[in-house]
C-alpha atoms as a PDB file:
ATOM      1  CA  MET A   1    -104.194-159.794-102.173  1.00  0.00           C
ATOM      2  CA  THR A   2    -103.612-156.209-102.307  1.00  0.00           C
ATOM      3  CA  GLN A   3    -100.460-154.865-100.752  1.00  0.00           C
ATOM      4  CA  GLY A   4    -100.653-151.798 -98.655  1.00  0.00           C
ATOM      5  CA  TRP A   5     -98.685-148.548 -98.909  1.00  0.00           C
ATOM      6  CA  SER A   6     -96.655-149.412 -96.021  1.00  0.00           C
ATOM      7  CA  ASP A   7     -95.436-152.622 -97.577  1.00  0.00           C
ATOM      8  CA  THR A   8     -94.400-150.975-100.819  1.00  0.00           C
ATOM      9  CA  PHE A   9     -92.695-147.940 -99.246  1.00  0.00           C
ATOM     10  CA  PRO A  10     -91.228-148.758 -95.933  1.00  0.00           C
ATOM     11  CA  PRO A  11     -91.309-146.043 -93.370  1.00  0.00           C
ATOM     12  CA  ASP A  12     -88.220-143.762 -92.809  1.00  0.00           C
ATOM     13  CA  ARG A  13     -85.496-144.690 -90.214  1.00  0.00           C
ATOM     14  CA  PRO A  14     -86.041-143.337 -86.857  1.00  0.00           C
ATOM     15  CA  ALA A  15     -84.391-139.962 -85.967  1.00  0.00           C
ATOM     16  CA  ARG A  16     -82.392-141.515 -83.189  1.00  0.00           C
ATOM     17  CA  THR A  17     -80.633-143.778 -85.681  1.00  0.00           C
ATOM     18  CA  ARG A  18     -79.568-140.906 -87.842  1.00  0.00           C
ATOM     19  CA  ILE A  19     -78.147-138.973 -84.893  1.00  0.00           C
ATOM     20  CA  THR A  20     -76.094-142.016 -83.826  1.00  0.00           C
ATOM     21  CA  GLU A  21     -74.481-142.391 -87.209  1.00  0.00           C
ATOM     22  CA  SER A  22     -73.655-138.699 -87.369  1.00  0.00           C
ATOM     23  CA  ALA A  23     -72.024-138.879 -83.923  1.00  0.00           C
ATOM     24  CA  LEU A  24     -70.005-141.907 -85.027  1.00  0.00           C
ATOM     25  CA  LYS A  25     -68.727-140.031 -88.061  1.00  0.00           C
ATOM     26  CA  THR A  26     -67.787-137.041 -85.953  1.00  0.00           C
ATOM     27  CA  SER A  27     -65.958-139.246 -83.441  1.00  0.00           C
ATOM     28  CA  SER A  28     -64.068-140.957 -86.272  1.00  0.00           C
ATOM     29  CA  VAL A  29     -62.994-137.624 -87.664  1.00  0.00           C
ATOM     30  CA  LEU A  30     -61.853-136.383 -84.241  1.00  0.00           C
ATOM     31  CA  LEU A  31     -60.087-139.646 -83.584  1.00  0.00           C
ATOM     32  CA  LEU A  32     -58.302-139.449 -86.933  1.00  0.00           C
ATOM     33  CA  ALA A  33     -57.382-135.817 -86.323  1.00  0.00           C
ATOM     34  CA  GLY A  34     -56.090-136.696 -82.890  1.00  0.00           C
ATOM     35  CA  ALA A  35     -54.114-139.607 -84.268  1.00  0.00           C
ATOM     36  CA  LEU A  36     -52.598-137.430 -86.894  1.00  0.00           C
ATOM     37  CA  THR A  37     -51.755-134.749 -84.377  1.00  0.00           C
ATOM     38  CA  LEU A  38     -50.203-137.351 -82.067  1.00  0.00           C
ATOM     39  CA  ALA A  39     -48.241-138.789 -84.907  1.00  0.00           C
ATOM     40  CA  ALA A  40     -47.007-135.441 -86.029  1.00  0.00           C
ATOM     41  CA  GLY A  41     -46.055-134.509 -82.483  1.00  0.00           C
ATOM     42  CA  THR A  42     -44.322-137.850 -82.035  1.00  0.00           C
ATOM     43  CA  ALA A  43     -42.447-137.349 -85.281  1.00  0.00           C
ATOM     44  CA  LEU A  44     -41.367-133.841 -84.229  1.00  0.00           C
ATOM     45  CA  VAL A  45     -40.224-135.069 -80.859  1.00  0.00           C
ATOM     46  CA  ALA A  46     -38.342-137.927 -82.448  1.00  0.00           C
ATOM     47  CA  ARG A  47     -36.708-135.540 -84.871  1.00  0.00           C
ATOM     48  CA  VAL A  48     -35.684-133.228 -82.092  1.00  0.00           C
ATOM     49  CA  LEU A  49     -34.288-136.102 -80.041  1.00  0.00           C
ATOM     50  CA  MET A  50     -32.493-137.632 -82.975  1.00  0.00           C
ATOM     51  CA  LYS A  51     -31.002-134.261 -84.148  1.00  0.00           C
ATOM     52  CA  PRO A  52     -27.339-134.025 -83.187  1.00  0.00           C
ATOM     53  CA  PRO A  53     -26.489-131.156 -80.796  1.00  0.00           C
ATOM     54  CA  PRO A  54     -25.042-128.018 -82.369  1.00  0.00           C
ATOM     55  CA  PRO A  55     -21.225-127.631 -82.208  1.00  0.00           C
ATOM     56  CA  VAL A  56     -19.964-125.799 -79.209  1.00  0.00           C
ATOM     57  CA  THR A  57     -18.402-122.461 -80.130  1.00  0.00           C
ATOM     58  CA  ILE A  58     -15.357-121.704 -78.011  1.00  0.00           C
ATOM     59  CA  ILE A  59     -14.620-118.022 -77.693  1.00  0.00           C
ATOM     60  CA  LYS A  60     -11.029-117.303 -76.849  1.00  0.00           C
ATOM     61  CA  GLU A  61      -9.951-113.737 -76.044  1.00  0.00           C
ATOM     62  CA  VAL A  62      -6.864-112.777 -78.053  1.00  0.00           C
ATOM     63  CA  GLU A  63      -4.665-110.106 -76.549  1.00  0.00           C
ATOM     64  CA  ALA A  64      -4.257-107.042 -78.730  1.00  0.00           C
ATOM     65  CA  ALA A  65      -0.779-106.578 -80.188  1.00  0.00           C
ATOM     66  CA  LYS A  66       1.287-104.288 -78.047  1.00  0.00           C
ATOM     67  CA  PRO A  67       2.498-101.121 -79.766  1.00  0.00           C
ATOM     68  CA  VAL A  68       6.187-100.986 -80.570  1.00  0.00           C
ATOM     69  CA  VAL A  69       8.022 -98.612 -78.184  1.00  0.00           C
ATOM     70  CA  TYR A  70      11.654 -97.443 -78.169  1.00  0.00           C
ATOM     71  CA  GLN A  71      13.943 -96.229 -75.407  1.00  0.00           C
ATOM     72  CA  VAL A  72      14.761 -92.684 -76.421  1.00  0.00           C
ATOM     73  CA  LEU A  73      17.230 -90.327 -74.717  1.00  0.00           C
ATOM     74  CA  ALA A  74      15.495 -87.175 -73.445  1.00  0.00           C
ATOM     75  CA  ALA A  75      16.164 -84.172 -71.225  1.00  0.00           C
ATOM     76  CA  ARG A  76      15.589 -84.768 -67.511  1.00  0.00           C
ATOM     77  CA  ARG A  77      15.083 -81.024 -66.957  1.00  0.00           C
ATOM     78  CA  ASP A  78      15.009 -77.824 -68.889  1.00  0.00           C
ATOM     79  CA  LEU A  79      18.429 -77.223 -70.498  1.00  0.00           C
ATOM     80  CA  SER A  80      19.656 -73.937 -71.891  1.00  0.00           C
ATOM     81  CA  PRO A  81      21.945 -73.390 -74.889  1.00  0.00           C
ATOM     82  CA  GLY A  82      25.595 -74.086 -74.063  1.00  0.00           C
ATOM     83  CA  ALA A  83      24.774 -76.515 -71.256  1.00  0.00           C
ATOM     84  CA  PHE A  84      27.047 -79.532 -71.066  1.00  0.00           C
ATOM     85  CA  LEU A  85      25.431 -82.924 -71.205  1.00  0.00           C
ATOM     86  CA  ASP A  86      26.035 -85.597 -68.637  1.00  0.00           C
ATOM     87  CA  ALA A  87      24.100 -88.534 -67.034  1.00  0.00           C
ATOM     88  CA  ALA A  88      22.400 -86.137 -64.568  1.00  0.00           C
ATOM     89  CA  ALA A  89      20.862 -84.031 -67.359  1.00  0.00           C
ATOM     90  CA  LEU A  90      19.490 -86.880 -69.419  1.00  0.00           C
ATOM     91  CA  GLU A  91      17.170 -89.845 -68.975  1.00  0.00           C
ATOM     92  CA  TRP A  92      15.715 -92.648 -71.041  1.00  0.00           C
ATOM     93  CA  ARG A  93      11.993 -92.510 -71.892  1.00  0.00           C
ATOM     94  CA  GLU A  94       9.677 -94.861 -73.797  1.00  0.00           C
ATOM     95  CA  ARG A  95       8.207 -93.416 -76.928  1.00  0.00           C
ATOM     96  CA  PRO A  96       5.909 -95.066 -79.606  1.00  0.00           C
ATOM     97  CA  GLU A  97       7.478 -95.971 -82.867  1.00  0.00           C
ATOM     98  CA  ALA A  98       5.572 -93.267 -84.769  1.00  0.00           C
ATOM     99  CA  SER A  99       7.247 -90.484 -82.825  1.00  0.00           C
ATOM    100  CA  VAL A 100      10.853 -91.752 -83.066  1.00  0.00           C
ATOM    101  CA  HIS A 101      13.084 -90.195 -85.719  1.00  0.00           C
ATOM    102  CA  ALA A 102      16.360 -91.324 -87.126  1.00  0.00           C
ATOM    103  CA  SER A 103      18.233 -88.418 -85.420  1.00  0.00           C
ATOM    104  CA  HIS A 104      17.079 -89.482 -81.938  1.00  0.00           C
ATOM    105  CA  PHE A 105      19.378 -91.512 -79.692  1.00  0.00           C
ATOM    106  CA  THR A 106      17.872 -94.983 -79.042  1.00  0.00           C
ATOM    107  CA  ALA A 107      19.125 -98.078 -77.289  1.00  0.00           C
ATOM    108  CA  ALA A 108      17.943-101.663 -76.938  1.00  0.00           C
ATOM    109  CA  GLY A 109      19.729-102.728 -73.791  1.00  0.00           C
ATOM    110  CA  GLU A 110      21.461-101.472 -70.695  1.00  0.00           C
ATOM    111  CA  GLY A 111      24.944-101.722 -72.161  1.00  0.00           C
ATOM    112  CA  GLU A 112      23.939 -99.795 -75.246  1.00  0.00           C
ATOM    113  CA  ARG A 113      22.352 -97.071 -73.133  1.00  0.00           C
ATOM    114  CA  ARG A 114      25.555 -96.657 -71.106  1.00  0.00           C
ATOM    115  CA  THR A 115      27.572 -96.417 -74.317  1.00  0.00           C
ATOM    116  CA  GLN A 116      25.277 -93.718 -75.703  1.00  0.00           C
ATOM    117  CA  GLU A 117      25.539 -91.694 -72.474  1.00  0.00           C
ATOM    118  CA  ARG A 118      29.384 -91.842 -72.486  1.00  0.00           C
ATOM    119  CA  SER A 119      29.527 -90.749 -76.111  1.00  0.00           C
ATOM    120  CA  LEU A 120      27.509 -87.598 -75.320  1.00  0.00           C
ATOM    121  CA  THR A 121      29.445 -86.550 -72.263  1.00  0.00           C
ATOM    122  CA  GLY A 122      31.060 -83.179 -72.885  1.00  0.00           C
ATOM    123  CA  ALA A 123      28.816 -82.182 -75.775  1.00  0.00           C
ATOM    124  CA  ALA A 124      27.002 -78.876 -75.556  1.00  0.00           C
ATOM    125  CA  LEU A 125      23.525 -77.810 -76.755  1.00  0.00           C
ATOM    126  CA  ARG A 126      22.975 -75.431 -79.631  1.00  0.00           C
ATOM    127  CA  ARG A 127      19.430 -74.477 -78.582  1.00  0.00           C
ATOM    128  CA  PRO A 128      17.141 -74.853 -75.532  1.00  0.00           C
ATOM    129  CA  LEU A 129      15.840 -78.311 -74.746  1.00  0.00           C
ATOM    130  CA  ALA A 130      12.676 -78.658 -72.647  1.00  0.00           C
ATOM    131  CA  ALA A 131      12.279 -81.397 -70.034  1.00  0.00           C
ATOM    132  CA  GLY A 132      11.085 -84.620 -71.640  1.00  0.00           C
ATOM    133  CA  GLU A 133      11.978 -83.482 -75.163  1.00  0.00           C
ATOM    134  CA  PRO A 134      13.976 -86.106 -77.148  1.00  0.00           C
ATOM    135  CA  LEU A 135      17.563 -85.308 -77.837  1.00  0.00           C
ATOM    136  CA  SER A 136      18.634 -85.309 -81.486  1.00  0.00           C
ATOM    137  CA  ASN A 137      22.037 -85.145 -83.075  1.00  0.00           C
ATOM    138  CA  ASP A 138      21.510 -81.843 -84.768  1.00  0.00           C
ATOM    139  CA  MET A 139      21.067 -80.086 -81.370  1.00  0.00           C
ATOM    140  CA  LEU A 140      24.604 -80.959 -80.268  1.00  0.00           C
ATOM    141  CA  VAL A 141      28.025 -79.525 -80.845  1.00  0.00           C
ATOM    142  CA  ARG A 142      31.054 -81.415 -79.606  1.00  0.00           C
ATOM    143  CA  PRO A 143      34.530 -80.180 -78.568  1.00  0.00           C
ATOM    144  CA  GLY A 144      36.656 -79.445 -81.593  1.00  0.00           C
ATOM    145  CA  GLU A 145      33.633 -78.898 -83.922  1.00  0.00           C
ATOM    146  CA  PRO A 146      32.991 -75.530 -85.478  1.00  0.00           C
ATOM    147  CA  GLY A 147      30.750 -73.382 -83.235  1.00  0.00           C
ATOM    148  CA  PHE A 148      31.691 -75.130 -80.022  1.00  0.00           C
ATOM    149  CA  ILE A 149      33.199 -72.002 -78.397  1.00  0.00           C
ATOM    150  CA  ALA A 150      30.226 -69.847 -79.460  1.00  0.00           C
ATOM    151  CA  ALA A 151      27.878 -72.434 -77.950  1.00  0.00           C
ATOM    152  CA  VAL A 152      29.530 -72.530 -74.549  1.00  0.00           C
ATOM    153  CA  LEU A 153      30.008 -68.774 -74.159  1.00  0.00           C
ATOM    154  CA  SER A 154      27.968 -67.346 -71.357  1.00  0.00           C
ATOM    155  CA  PRO A 155      25.304 -64.770 -72.319  1.00  0.00           C
ATOM    156  CA  GLY A 156      26.825 -61.310 -72.753  1.00  0.00           C
ATOM    157  CA  MET A 157      30.405 -62.568 -72.727  1.00  0.00           C
ATOM    158  CA  ARG A 158      33.078 -62.456 -75.399  1.00  0.00           C
ATOM    159  CA  ALA A 159      35.911 -64.752 -76.420  1.00  0.00           C
ATOM    160  CA  ILE A 160      39.335 -63.176 -77.014  1.00  0.00           C
ATOM    161  CA  SER A 161      42.688 -64.842 -77.655  1.00  0.00           C
ATOM    162  CA  ILE A 162      45.957 -63.651 -76.117  1.00  0.00           C
ATOM    163  CA  PRO A 163      49.504 -64.786 -76.947  1.00  0.00           C
ATOM    164  CA  THR A 164      51.117 -67.159 -74.481  1.00  0.00           C
ATOM    165  CA  SER A 165      54.124 -69.363 -74.059  1.00  0.00           C
ATOM    166  CA  ALA A 166      55.201 -72.309 -71.958  1.00  0.00           C
ATOM    167  CA  VAL A 167      56.213 -69.899 -69.188  1.00  0.00           C
ATOM    168  CA  SER A 168      53.265 -67.535 -69.286  1.00  0.00           C
ATOM    169  CA  SER A 169      50.842 -70.448 -69.352  1.00  0.00           C
ATOM    170  CA  ASN A 170      52.373 -72.120 -66.296  1.00  0.00           C
ATOM    171  CA  ALA A 171      54.404 -74.639 -68.358  1.00  0.00           C
ATOM    172  CA  GLY A 172      51.304 -75.928 -70.054  1.00  0.00           C
ATOM    173  CA  LEU A 173      49.466 -76.727 -66.785  1.00  0.00           C
ATOM    174  CA  VAL A 174      46.583 -74.466 -67.658  1.00  0.00           C
ATOM    175  CA  SER A 175      43.765 -76.294 -69.399  1.00  0.00           C
ATOM    176  CA  ALA A 176      40.541 -75.253 -71.056  1.00  0.00           C
ATOM    177  CA  GLY A 177      37.894 -74.788 -68.356  1.00  0.00           C
ATOM    178  CA  ASP A 178      40.345 -73.497 -65.729  1.00  0.00           C
ATOM    179  CA  TRP A 179      39.996 -70.069 -64.089  1.00  0.00           C
ATOM    180  CA  VAL A 180      42.905 -67.661 -64.206  1.00  0.00           C
ATOM    181  CA  ASP A 181      44.006 -64.174 -63.388  1.00  0.00           C
ATOM    182  CA  VAL A 182      45.634 -62.156 -66.200  1.00  0.00           C
ATOM    183  CA  ILE A 183      48.759 -60.219 -65.313  1.00  0.00           C
ATOM    184  CA  LEU A 184      50.362 -57.524 -67.416  1.00  0.00           C
ATOM    185  CA  SER A 185      54.062 -57.053 -67.002  1.00  0.00           C
ATOM    186  CA  LEU A 186      55.991 -54.314 -68.755  1.00  0.00           C
ATOM    187  CA  GLU A 187      59.044 -52.069 -68.527  1.00  0.00           C
ATOM    188  CA  ARG A 188      58.111 -48.520 -67.576  1.00  0.00           C
ATOM    189  CA  GLY A 189      61.032 -46.993 -69.450  1.00  0.00           C
ATOM    190  CA  THR A 190      64.549 -47.568 -70.818  1.00  0.00           C
ATOM    191  CA  SER A 191      67.729 -46.673 -68.925  1.00  0.00           C
ATOM    192  CA  SER A 192      68.302 -43.637 -71.138  1.00  0.00           C
ATOM    193  CA  GLU A 193      64.960 -42.227 -70.179  1.00  0.00           C
ATOM    194  CA  THR A 194      65.419 -42.543 -66.461  1.00  0.00           C
ATOM    195  CA  THR A 195      66.897 -39.761 -64.427  1.00  0.00           C
ATOM    196  CA  ALA A 196      67.748 -41.710 -61.285  1.00  0.00           C
ATOM    197  CA  GLY A 197      71.284 -42.997 -61.212  1.00  0.00           C
ATOM    198  CA  SER A 198      70.279 -46.281 -59.690  1.00  0.00           C
ATOM    199  CA  GLU A 199      67.728 -46.867 -62.390  1.00  0.00           C
ATOM    200  CA  ALA A 200      70.318 -46.093 -65.056  1.00  0.00           C
ATOM    201  CA  LYS A 201      72.561 -48.720 -63.651  1.00  0.00           C
ATOM    202  CA  ASN A 202      69.754 -51.230 -62.965  1.00  0.00           C
ATOM    203  CA  PRO A 203      67.202 -51.393 -65.709  1.00  0.00           C
ATOM    204  CA  LEU A 204      65.181 -53.959 -63.684  1.00  0.00           C
ATOM    205  CA  VAL A 205      64.174 -51.121 -61.382  1.00  0.00           C
ATOM    206  CA  SER A 206      61.788 -49.938 -64.105  1.00  0.00           C
ATOM    207  CA  LEU A 207      59.899 -53.241 -64.265  1.00  0.00           C
ATOM    208  CA  ALA A 208      56.267 -53.332 -63.096  1.00  0.00           C
ATOM    209  CA  ALA A 209      53.318 -55.726 -63.171  1.00  0.00           C
ATOM    210  CA  GLN A 210      49.607 -55.457 -62.588  1.00  0.00           C
ATOM    211  CA  THR A 211      46.747 -57.913 -62.375  1.00  0.00           C
ATOM    212  CA  ILE A 212      44.329 -56.497 -64.937  1.00  0.00           C
ATOM    213  CA  LEU A 213      41.711 -59.259 -64.868  1.00  0.00           C
ATOM    214  CA  ARG A 214      40.644 -61.729 -62.201  1.00  0.00           C
ATOM    215  CA  HIS A 215      38.696 -64.984 -62.270  1.00  0.00           C
ATOM    216  CA  VAL A 216      38.620 -65.388 -66.042  1.00  0.00           C
ATOM    217  CA  ARG A 217      37.606 -68.717 -67.634  1.00  0.00           C
ATOM    218  CA  VAL A 218      39.887 -70.324 -70.200  1.00  0.00           C
ATOM    219  CA  LEU A 219      37.898 -71.515 -73.206  1.00  0.00           C
ATOM    220  CA  ALA A 220      40.606 -73.017 -75.420  1.00  0.00           C
ATOM    221  CA  LEU A 221      44.358 -73.416 -75.846  1.00  0.00           C
ATOM    222  CA  ASN A 222      45.317 -72.872 -79.463  1.00  0.00           C
ATOM    223  CA  ASN A 223      42.275 -74.341 -81.141  1.00  0.00           C
ATOM    224  CA  ASN A 224      41.751 -77.133 -78.594  1.00  0.00           C
ATOM    225  CA  ALA A 225      38.744 -76.739 -76.386  1.00  0.00           C
ATOM    226  CA  ALA A 226      38.247 -80.392 -75.509  1.00  0.00           C
ATOM    227  CA  SER A 227      39.077 -80.133 -71.816  1.00  0.00           C
ATOM    228  CA  ILE A 228      36.500 -77.367 -71.205  1.00  0.00           C
ATOM    229  CA  ALA A 229      33.854 -80.056 -71.407  1.00  0.00           C
ATOM    230  CA  PRO A 230      33.230 -82.478 -68.509  1.00  0.00           C
ATOM    231  CA  ALA A 231      35.477 -85.484 -68.682  1.00  0.00           C
ATOM    232  CA  GLY A 232      34.029 -88.798 -69.693  1.00  0.00           C
ATOM    233  CA  THR A 233      34.464 -92.155 -67.966  1.00  0.00           C
ATOM    234  CA  LYS A 234      36.779 -93.648 -70.572  1.00  0.00           C
ATOM    235  CA  GLU A 235      39.148 -96.120 -68.898  1.00  0.00           C
ATOM    236  CA  GLU A 236      42.885 -95.671 -69.499  1.00  0.00           C
ATOM    237  CA  THR A 237      44.349 -98.366 -71.680  1.00  0.00           C
ATOM    238  CA  ALA A 238      47.924 -99.451 -72.120  1.00  0.00           C
ATOM    239  CA  ALA A 239      48.077 -97.607 -75.444  1.00  0.00           C
ATOM    240  CA  ASP A 240      47.048 -94.348 -73.727  1.00  0.00           C
ATOM    241  CA  ARG A 241      49.740 -94.388 -71.048  1.00  0.00           C
ATOM    242  CA  PRO A 242      52.746 -93.510 -73.307  1.00  0.00           C
ATOM    243  CA  ARG A 243      50.869 -90.545 -74.680  1.00  0.00           C
ATOM    244  CA  THR A 244      49.895 -89.422 -71.174  1.00  0.00           C
ATOM    245  CA  SER A 245      53.474 -89.436 -69.933  1.00  0.00           C
ATOM    246  CA  SER A 246      54.881 -87.716 -73.044  1.00  0.00           C
ATOM    247  CA  ALA A 247      55.842 -84.027 -73.194  1.00  0.00           C
ATOM    248  CA  ARG A 248      53.033 -81.508 -72.922  1.00  0.00           C
ATOM    249  CA  PRO A 249      52.085 -79.745 -76.148  1.00  0.00           C
ATOM    250  CA  HIS A 250      53.170 -76.171 -76.755  1.00  0.00           C
ATOM    251  CA  PHE A 251      50.425 -73.557 -76.792  1.00  0.00           C
ATOM    252  CA  GLU A 252      50.776 -70.192 -78.538  1.00  0.00           C
ATOM    253  CA  THR A 253      47.348 -68.735 -77.679  1.00  0.00           C
ATOM    254  CA  LEU A 254      44.823 -68.798 -74.896  1.00  0.00           C
ATOM    255  CA  THR A 255      41.217 -68.028 -75.587  1.00  0.00           C
ATOM    256  CA  LEU A 256      39.552 -66.361 -72.574  1.00  0.00           C
ATOM    257  CA  GLU A 257      35.882 -65.619 -71.734  1.00  0.00           C
ATOM    258  CA  VAL A 258      35.597 -61.956 -70.739  1.00  0.00           C
ATOM    259  CA  THR A 259      33.130 -59.076 -70.750  1.00  0.00           C
ATOM    260  CA  PRO A 260      33.186 -56.646 -73.692  1.00  0.00           C
ATOM    261  CA  GLU A 261      35.015 -54.043 -71.525  1.00  0.00           C
ATOM    262  CA  ALA A 262      37.660 -56.577 -70.522  1.00  0.00           C
ATOM    263  CA  ALA A 263      38.157 -57.606 -74.154  1.00  0.00           C
ATOM    264  CA  GLU A 264      39.097 -54.003 -74.993  1.00  0.00           C
ATOM    265  CA  LYS A 265      41.452 -53.885 -72.028  1.00  0.00           C
ATOM    266  CA  LEU A 266      43.217 -57.084 -73.142  1.00  0.00           C
ATOM    267  CA  ALA A 267      43.491 -55.797 -76.704  1.00  0.00           C
ATOM    268  CA  VAL A 268      45.465 -52.794 -75.479  1.00  0.00           C
ATOM    269  CA  ALA A 269      47.399 -54.667 -72.824  1.00  0.00           C
ATOM    270  CA  LYS A 270      48.801 -57.342 -75.149  1.00  0.00           C
ATOM    271  CA  GLU A 271      50.287 -54.565 -77.297  1.00  0.00           C
ATOM    272  CA  ALA A 272      51.852 -52.767 -74.290  1.00  0.00           C
ATOM    273  CA  GLY A 273      53.634 -55.607 -72.636  1.00  0.00           C
ATOM    274  CA  THR A 274      53.732 -59.286 -71.819  1.00  0.00           C
ATOM    275  CA  LEU A 275      50.571 -61.045 -70.569  1.00  0.00           C
ATOM    276  CA  GLN A 276      50.800 -63.926 -68.168  1.00  0.00           C
ATOM    277  CA  VAL A 277      48.133 -66.024 -66.500  1.00  0.00           C
ATOM    278  CA  ALA A 278      47.999 -67.219 -62.898  1.00  0.00           C
ATOM    279  CA  LEU A 279      45.978 -70.358 -62.293  1.00  0.00           C
ATOM    280  CA  ARG A 280      43.258 -70.159 -59.654  1.00  0.00           C
ATOM    281  CA  GLY A 281      42.183 -72.972 -57.392  1.00  0.00           C
ATOM    282  CA  VAL A 282      38.815 -74.666 -57.914  1.00  0.00           C
ATOM    283  CA  HIS A 283      37.778 -73.700 -54.398  1.00  0.00           C
ATOM    284  CA  ASP A 284      38.532 -69.997 -54.772  1.00  0.00           C
ATOM    285  CA  GLU A 285      35.509 -67.673 -54.556  1.00  0.00           C
ATOM    286  CA  VAL A 286      35.100 -64.622 -56.627  1.00  0.00           C
ATOM    287  CA  GLU A 287      35.954 -61.754 -54.308  1.00  0.00           C
ATOM    288  CA  ASP A 288      34.643 -58.248 -54.603  1.00  0.00           C
ATOM    289  CA  ILE A 289      37.631 -56.259 -55.768  1.00  0.00           C
ATOM    290  CA  GLN A 290      37.667 -52.589 -54.966  1.00  0.00           C
ATOM    291  CA  PRO A 291      38.707 -50.276 -57.903  1.00  0.00           C
ATOM    292  CA  ALA A 292      41.847 -49.128 -55.941  1.00  0.00           C
ATOM    293  CA  ALA A 293      42.971 -52.691 -55.372  1.00  0.00           C
ATOM    294  CA  ALA A 294      42.321 -53.586 -58.982  1.00  0.00           C
ATOM    295  CA  ARG A 295      44.678 -50.787 -60.107  1.00  0.00           C
ATOM    296  CA  GLN A 296      47.443 -51.742 -57.763  1.00  0.00           C
ATOM    297  CA  VAL A 297      50.837 -51.916 -59.481  1.00  0.00           C
ATOM    298  CA  THR A 298      53.647 -54.162 -58.257  1.00  0.00           C
ATOM    299  CA  ARG A 299      57.163 -52.722 -58.774  1.00  0.00           C
ATOM    300  CA  ILE A 300      60.574 -54.195 -58.302  1.00  0.00           C
ATOM    301  CA  ASP A 301      60.884 -52.554 -54.857  1.00  0.00           C
ATOM    302  CA  ASP A 302      57.660 -54.374 -53.855  1.00  0.00           C
ATOM    303  CA  ALA A 303      59.177 -57.699 -54.855  1.00  0.00           C
ATOM    304  CA  THR A 304      62.694 -57.408 -53.457  1.00  0.00           C
ATOM    305  CA  ALA A 305      64.907 -54.913 -51.566  1.00  0.00           C
ATOM    306  CA  ILE A 306      68.066 -55.779 -53.496  1.00  0.00           C
ATOM    307  CA  PHE A 307      67.830 -52.867 -55.816  1.00  0.00           C
ATOM    308  CA  ARG A 308      66.923 -50.288 -53.188  1.00  0.00           C
ATOM    309  CA  ALA A 309      69.468 -47.484 -52.765  1.00  0.00           C
ATOM    310  CA  PRO A 310      71.462 -47.471 -49.525  1.00  0.00           C
ATOM    311  CA  THR A 311      70.531 -44.986 -46.854  1.00  0.00           C
ATOM    312  CA  GLY A 312      72.756 -42.536 -45.039  1.00  0.00           C
ATOM    313  CA  SER A 313      75.512 -40.621 -46.742  1.00  0.00           C
ATOM    314  CA  ALA A 314      75.693 -42.813 -49.784  1.00  0.00           C
ATOM    315  CA  THR A 315      74.856 -41.130 -53.051  1.00  0.00           C
ATOM    316  CA  ALA A 316      71.478 -42.147 -54.120  1.00  0.00           C
ATOM    317  CA  VAL A 317      70.535 -39.622 -56.816  1.00  0.00           C
ATOM    318  CA  THR A 318      72.666 -37.979 -59.527  1.00  0.00           C
ATOM    319  CA  VAL A 319      71.602 -35.094 -61.690  1.00  0.00           C
ATOM    320  CA  LYS A 320      73.307 -33.976 -64.842  1.00  0.00           C
ATOM    321  CA  THR A 321      73.808 -30.178 -65.216  1.00  0.00           C
ATOM    322  CA  PHE A 322      74.433 -28.117 -68.357  1.00  0.00           C
ATOM    323  CA  GLN A 323      76.036 -24.688 -68.357  1.00  0.00           C
ATOM    324  CA  GLY A 324      76.736 -23.582 -71.830  1.00  0.00           C
ATOM    325  CA  ASN A 325      79.180 -26.068 -73.234  1.00  0.00           C
ATOM    326  CA  GLN A 326      80.022 -27.413 -69.808  1.00  0.00           C
ATOM    327  CA  GLN A 327      78.335 -30.449 -68.294  1.00  0.00           C
ATOM    328  CA  GLY A 328      78.435 -31.534 -64.687  1.00  0.00           C
ATOM    329  CA  VAL A 329      76.960 -34.018 -62.356  1.00  0.00           C
ATOM    330  CA  LEU A 330      75.477 -33.228 -58.976  1.00  0.00           C
ATOM    331  CA  SER A 331      74.873 -35.878 -56.343  1.00  0.00           C
ATOM    332  CA  PHE A 332      72.161 -35.771 -53.749  1.00  0.00           C
ATOM    333  CA  ASN A 333      71.570 -38.020 -50.798  1.00  0.00           C
ATOM    334  CA  ARG A 334      68.175 -39.690 -50.611  1.00  0.00           C
ATOM    335  CA  ALA A 335      65.874 -38.458 -47.972  1.00  0.00           C
ATOM    336  CA  PRO A 336      65.703 -40.817 -44.972  1.00  0.00           C
END
């Protein structure tokens, strides 16, 4: 029996079957891709969950190191050359370490500050010191050091020394820094030069004195100018008491602060007679002295009436007369 074409070559699959297989393949691929994506996501989530948390960083604020500061002694106000230092003129100020020099006065505590202040009491400035400017050792001159008198001299004034003694200096009671009047005492003439009989018999009648300078400051006695400076606060100890009660030192010269004209007057006066000083009180005011009063001369008759000639008929004046080789004496009564 003869087979037909259809038996030898079967017909092709239907188109619907081919579409179904293609859809199944696509679904499988998508399912596989989804499964892989889900697995990858699960792995990532698991990794994230299993990863330990990062360490916590603690930020702590550290305070910056404070700059080193020093307590430095400075001027409280503007100070002029020759000004004396005391607690009222100085104050302690903080200054950074970079601006502090070895010559500055520094202190760490209250006790050291008080000690520094006491050590500077009485010292004078060599040059001007502005308010707030640190004080240094090279700016100072202390009593007894060279240049101290020149530093404390007032502008336009001069320092001149005059001879003195225990009597003329008030038995040593005058100290540097006191104010005095200067008195010139001298003898106007000898007995041989006088013509009055009373003066010939009483040389004291020719004595006279005059105050030539008033309200003059004493700068030093001999070469000691320590007491011109303000006194410190040193407490008296047992070792100091015997020296305090001992005899006062002897001074041979007084150094006075005067004007240039007064210095010339003193230079002449100390050659003409004896100079004495009269101590003035601290509460005295400088009075305006008239020229006539300044030239007033005190004579023995102004001090006492003992040497005055008697009045009336008593002989008060005698006059020597010369006639050739003959000499005589004439007596005259004083006018009432």
